[in-house]
């Protein structure tokens, strides 16, 4: 049974602390299922985006072509999309550099 820390009349700071503790507890116990779910959602959205992007293409794009491009989104910029700015272009060392 979950620990009830949100007692009525505890004040605003008590309420914020309670939800923060509950959220941290939830993330600690469910971090791997949450990561798998987020990976799956991003894979589905990547596949759907490539399917829409290549819908009007005169070249045939097969299921495995789109799966391959979707998997490339995690490691490199797939390169088959022109005119769209990708967040994936910003690599971790580039983003964390302080000047």
N, C-alpha and C. Protein backbone atom coordinates (compact mmCIF):
# COMPACT_ATOMS: atom_id res chain seq x y z
N UNK A 1 0.84 -1.19 0.00
CA UNK A 1 0.00 0.00 0.00
C UNK A 1 0.88 1.25 0.00
N UNK A 2 0.50 2.24 -0.77
CA UNK A 2 1.30 3.44 -0.90
C UNK A 2 1.25 4.28 0.36
N UNK A 3 2.35 4.92 0.65
CA UNK A 3 2.42 5.79 1.81
C UNK A 3 1.67 7.08 1.50
N UNK A 4 0.77 7.44 2.38
CA UNK A 4 0.00 8.67 2.20
C UNK A 4 0.73 9.82 2.88
N UNK A 5 1.26 10.73 2.10
CA UNK A 5 1.98 11.85 2.69
C UNK A 5 1.23 13.16 2.50
N UNK A 6 0.15 13.14 1.76
CA UNK A 6 -0.60 14.36 1.46
C UNK A 6 -1.77 14.49 2.43
N UNK A 7 -1.49 14.94 3.60
CA UNK A 7 -2.54 15.13 4.59
C UNK A 7 -3.26 16.43 4.29
N UNK A 8 -4.59 16.46 4.45
CA UNK A 8 -5.32 17.70 4.19
C UNK A 8 -4.92 18.77 5.20
N UNK A 9 -4.83 20.00 4.70
CA UNK A 9 -4.49 21.12 5.57
C UNK A 9 -3.00 21.20 5.87
N UNK A 10 -2.18 20.54 5.07
CA UNK A 10 -0.75 20.54 5.33
C UNK A 10 -0.03 21.74 4.76
N UNK A 11 -0.70 22.52 3.95
CA UNK A 11 -0.06 23.68 3.35
C UNK A 11 0.47 23.37 1.97
N UNK A 12 0.83 24.43 1.24
CA UNK A 12 1.28 24.29 -0.14
C UNK A 12 2.63 23.62 -0.24
N UNK A 13 3.58 23.96 0.65
CA UNK A 13 4.91 23.36 0.57
C UNK A 13 4.87 21.87 0.90
N UNK A 14 3.98 21.49 1.81
CA UNK A 14 3.82 20.07 2.13
C UNK A 14 3.25 19.32 0.93
N UNK A 15 2.32 19.94 0.23
CA UNK A 15 1.72 19.33 -0.95
C UNK A 15 2.76 19.14 -2.06
N UNK A 16 3.58 20.16 -2.29
CA UNK A 16 4.63 20.06 -3.31
C UNK A 16 5.65 18.98 -2.95
N UNK A 17 6.06 18.94 -1.69
CA UNK A 17 7.02 17.94 -1.24
C UNK A 17 6.44 16.53 -1.38
N UNK A 18 5.16 16.39 -1.08
CA UNK A 18 4.50 15.10 -1.20
C UNK A 18 4.52 14.61 -2.64
N UNK A 19 4.13 15.46 -3.56
CA UNK A 19 4.10 15.04 -4.97
C UNK A 19 5.49 14.79 -5.51
N UNK A 20 6.46 15.56 -5.06
CA UNK A 20 7.84 15.33 -5.49
C UNK A 20 8.32 13.96 -5.01
N UNK A 21 8.03 13.62 -3.77
CA UNK A 21 8.42 12.32 -3.23
C UNK A 21 7.73 11.18 -3.97
N UNK A 22 6.45 11.37 -4.27
CA UNK A 22 5.70 10.33 -4.99
C UNK A 22 6.23 10.16 -6.41
N UNK A 23 6.56 11.27 -7.08
CA UNK A 23 7.09 11.19 -8.43
C UNK A 23 8.47 10.52 -8.45
N UNK A 24 9.33 10.89 -7.52
CA UNK A 24 10.65 10.26 -7.45
C UNK A 24 10.52 8.78 -7.15
N UNK A 25 9.63 8.42 -6.24
CA UNK A 25 9.40 7.01 -5.94
C UNK A 25 8.88 6.25 -7.15
N UNK A 26 7.97 6.87 -7.90
CA UNK A 26 7.44 6.23 -9.11
C UNK A 26 8.54 6.02 -10.15
N UNK A 27 9.37 7.05 -10.34
CA UNK A 27 10.44 6.95 -11.33
C UNK A 27 11.49 5.91 -10.93
N UNK A 28 11.78 5.80 -9.63
CA UNK A 28 12.76 4.80 -9.18
C UNK A 28 12.25 3.39 -9.39
N UNK A 29 10.98 3.15 -9.15
CA UNK A 29 10.45 1.79 -9.28
C UNK A 29 10.10 1.42 -10.71
N UNK A 30 9.86 2.40 -11.56
CA UNK A 30 9.41 2.12 -12.93
C UNK A 30 10.32 2.69 -14.00
N UNK A 31 11.60 2.89 -13.70
CA UNK A 31 12.46 3.55 -14.67
C UNK A 31 12.67 2.74 -15.95
N UNK A 32 12.84 1.42 -15.85
CA UNK A 32 13.07 0.62 -17.05
C UNK A 32 11.81 0.43 -17.89
N UNK A 33 10.66 0.15 -17.30
CA UNK A 33 9.45 0.10 -18.14
C UNK A 33 9.13 1.45 -18.79
N UNK A 34 9.38 2.54 -18.06
CA UNK A 34 9.14 3.86 -18.62
C UNK A 34 10.09 4.14 -19.78
N UNK A 35 11.35 3.75 -19.62
CA UNK A 35 12.32 3.93 -20.70
C UNK A 35 11.93 3.10 -21.93
N UNK A 36 11.51 1.86 -21.72
CA UNK A 36 11.09 1.01 -22.83
C UNK A 36 9.86 1.60 -23.52
N UNK A 37 8.92 2.12 -22.74
CA UNK A 37 7.72 2.72 -23.32
C UNK A 37 8.07 3.95 -24.14
N UNK A 38 8.95 4.81 -23.62
CA UNK A 38 9.36 6.01 -24.37
C UNK A 38 10.11 5.63 -25.64
N UNK A 39 10.96 4.60 -25.57
CA UNK A 39 11.67 4.15 -26.77
C UNK A 39 10.67 3.65 -27.81
N UNK A 40 9.69 2.88 -27.38
CA UNK A 40 8.68 2.37 -28.31
C UNK A 40 7.86 3.47 -28.95
N UNK A 41 7.46 4.45 -28.15
CA UNK A 41 6.69 5.58 -28.69
C UNK A 41 7.52 6.35 -29.71
N UNK A 42 8.79 6.61 -29.39
CA UNK A 42 9.63 7.35 -30.33
C UNK A 42 9.89 6.54 -31.60
N UNK A 43 10.00 5.21 -31.50
CA UNK A 43 10.18 4.38 -32.69
C UNK A 43 8.93 4.41 -33.56
N UNK A 44 7.76 4.34 -32.96
CA UNK A 44 6.51 4.40 -33.73
C UNK A 44 6.37 5.76 -34.40
N UNK A 45 6.67 6.83 -33.68
CA UNK A 45 6.57 8.16 -34.27
C UNK A 45 7.60 8.36 -35.38
N UNK A 46 8.81 7.80 -35.20
CA UNK A 46 9.82 7.90 -36.25
C UNK A 46 9.39 7.16 -37.51
N UNK A 47 8.86 5.95 -37.34
CA UNK A 47 8.39 5.18 -38.49
C UNK A 47 7.24 5.92 -39.18
N UNK A 48 6.31 6.44 -38.39
CA UNK A 48 5.16 7.15 -38.95
C UNK A 48 5.63 8.40 -39.70
N UNK A 49 6.61 9.11 -39.15
CA UNK A 49 7.13 10.30 -39.82
C UNK A 49 7.78 9.97 -41.15
N UNK A 50 8.59 8.90 -41.19
CA UNK A 50 9.19 8.50 -42.46
C UNK A 50 8.15 8.01 -43.45
N UNK A 51 7.12 7.33 -42.97
CA UNK A 51 6.06 6.86 -43.87
C UNK A 51 5.33 8.05 -44.50
N UNK A 52 5.07 9.07 -43.72
CA UNK A 52 4.40 10.27 -44.26
C UNK A 52 5.32 11.05 -45.19
N UNK A 53 6.59 11.13 -44.81
CA UNK A 53 7.53 11.89 -45.62
C UNK A 53 7.73 11.25 -46.99
N UNK A 54 7.78 9.92 -47.04
CA UNK A 54 8.03 9.21 -48.29
C UNK A 54 6.75 8.78 -49.00
N UNK A 55 5.59 9.25 -48.55
CA UNK A 55 4.33 8.83 -49.16
C UNK A 55 4.22 9.29 -50.62
N UNK A 56 4.70 10.48 -50.92
CA UNK A 56 4.58 11.03 -52.28
C UNK A 56 5.81 10.77 -53.13
N UNK A 57 6.73 9.98 -52.63
CA UNK A 57 7.95 9.70 -53.37
C UNK A 57 7.67 8.75 -54.53
N UNK A 58 8.28 9.01 -55.68
CA UNK A 58 8.08 8.09 -56.81
C UNK A 58 8.81 6.76 -56.61
N UNK A 59 9.83 6.74 -55.75
CA UNK A 59 10.56 5.50 -55.48
C UNK A 59 9.80 4.67 -54.46
N UNK A 60 9.85 3.36 -54.59
CA UNK A 60 9.17 2.54 -53.58
C UNK A 60 9.94 2.50 -52.27
N UNK A 61 9.28 2.75 -51.18
CA UNK A 61 9.86 2.65 -49.84
C UNK A 61 9.14 1.53 -49.13
N UNK A 62 9.88 0.50 -48.79
CA UNK A 62 9.30 -0.68 -48.18
C UNK A 62 9.34 -0.57 -46.66
N UNK A 63 8.65 -1.49 -46.01
CA UNK A 63 8.56 -1.51 -44.55
C UNK A 63 9.94 -1.51 -43.91
N UNK A 64 10.83 -2.38 -44.36
CA UNK A 64 12.15 -2.50 -43.75
C UNK A 64 13.03 -1.28 -44.03
N UNK A 65 12.79 -0.58 -45.13
CA UNK A 65 13.52 0.66 -45.37
C UNK A 65 13.20 1.69 -44.28
N UNK A 66 11.91 1.82 -43.96
CA UNK A 66 11.50 2.79 -42.95
C UNK A 66 11.95 2.36 -41.55
N UNK A 67 11.95 1.06 -41.28
CA UNK A 67 12.45 0.57 -39.99
C UNK A 67 13.94 0.89 -39.87
N UNK A 68 14.70 0.67 -40.93
CA UNK A 68 16.13 0.96 -40.92
C UNK A 68 16.38 2.44 -40.67
N UNK A 69 15.65 3.31 -41.34
CA UNK A 69 15.82 4.75 -41.14
C UNK A 69 15.42 5.16 -39.74
N UNK A 70 14.38 4.54 -39.20
CA UNK A 70 13.95 4.85 -37.84
C UNK A 70 15.01 4.47 -36.83
N UNK A 71 15.63 3.32 -37.00
CA UNK A 71 16.69 2.90 -36.08
C UNK A 71 17.91 3.80 -36.18
N UNK A 72 18.13 4.37 -37.35
CA UNK A 72 19.25 5.30 -37.51
C UNK A 72 19.03 6.60 -36.75
N UNK A 73 17.79 6.92 -36.45
CA UNK A 73 17.52 8.16 -35.72
C UNK A 73 18.17 8.18 -34.34
N UNK A 74 18.41 7.01 -33.76
CA UNK A 74 18.98 6.96 -32.42
C UNK A 74 20.47 7.19 -32.40
N UNK A 75 21.15 6.85 -33.48
CA UNK A 75 22.61 6.98 -33.45
C UNK A 75 23.13 8.10 -34.33
N UNK A 76 22.55 8.26 -35.49
CA UNK A 76 23.01 9.29 -36.43
C UNK A 76 21.80 9.93 -37.08
N UNK A 77 22.04 11.07 -37.69
CA UNK A 77 20.99 11.68 -38.49
C UNK A 77 20.86 10.86 -39.76
N UNK A 78 19.68 10.38 -40.05
CA UNK A 78 19.52 9.42 -41.15
C UNK A 78 19.86 10.00 -42.50
N UNK A 79 19.74 11.30 -42.68
CA UNK A 79 20.21 11.92 -43.90
C UNK A 79 19.26 11.87 -45.08
N UNK A 80 18.18 11.15 -44.99
CA UNK A 80 17.26 11.07 -46.12
C UNK A 80 16.12 12.06 -46.04
N UNK A 81 16.20 13.01 -45.15
CA UNK A 81 15.17 14.03 -45.01
C UNK A 81 15.82 15.37 -45.28
N UNK A 82 15.31 16.08 -46.27
CA UNK A 82 15.87 17.39 -46.59
C UNK A 82 14.87 18.47 -46.20
N UNK A 83 15.39 19.60 -45.79
CA UNK A 83 14.54 20.73 -45.47
C UNK A 83 13.94 20.71 -44.08
N UNK A 84 14.29 19.73 -43.27
CA UNK A 84 13.76 19.64 -41.92
C UNK A 84 14.92 19.70 -40.96
N UNK A 85 14.84 20.59 -40.00
CA UNK A 85 15.90 20.72 -39.00
C UNK A 85 15.68 19.66 -37.93
N UNK A 86 16.72 18.94 -37.60
CA UNK A 86 16.62 17.84 -36.65
C UNK A 86 17.28 18.20 -35.34
N UNK A 87 16.64 17.84 -34.24
CA UNK A 87 17.23 18.02 -32.93
C UNK A 87 18.42 17.09 -32.77
N UNK A 88 18.39 15.98 -33.47
CA UNK A 88 19.46 15.00 -33.39
C UNK A 88 20.79 15.52 -33.90
N UNK A 89 20.80 16.65 -34.60
CA UNK A 89 22.05 17.22 -35.08
C UNK A 89 22.89 17.76 -33.94
N UNK A 90 22.29 18.06 -32.83
CA UNK A 90 23.01 18.61 -31.68
C UNK A 90 23.53 17.45 -30.85
N UNK A 91 24.79 17.18 -30.93
CA UNK A 91 25.41 16.09 -30.18
C UNK A 91 25.62 16.51 -28.73
N UNK A 92 25.71 15.57 -27.84
CA UNK A 92 25.83 15.85 -26.42
C UNK A 92 27.04 16.72 -26.08
N UNK A 93 28.24 16.45 -26.57
CA UNK A 93 29.36 17.34 -26.24
C UNK A 93 29.15 18.76 -26.75
N UNK A 94 28.51 18.90 -27.91
CA UNK A 94 28.26 20.24 -28.45
C UNK A 94 27.26 21.00 -27.59
N UNK A 95 26.26 20.31 -27.08
CA UNK A 95 25.22 20.96 -26.30
C UNK A 95 25.71 21.34 -24.91
N UNK A 96 26.66 20.59 -24.37
CA UNK A 96 27.09 20.83 -23.00
C UNK A 96 28.31 21.75 -22.92
N UNK A 97 28.83 22.18 -24.03
CA UNK A 97 30.02 23.04 -24.03
C UNK A 97 29.65 24.42 -23.50
N UNK A 98 30.46 24.92 -22.58
CA UNK A 98 30.23 26.27 -22.04
C UNK A 98 31.33 27.18 -22.53
N UNK A 99 30.91 28.33 -22.95
CA UNK A 99 31.89 29.31 -23.45
C UNK A 99 31.82 30.57 -22.68
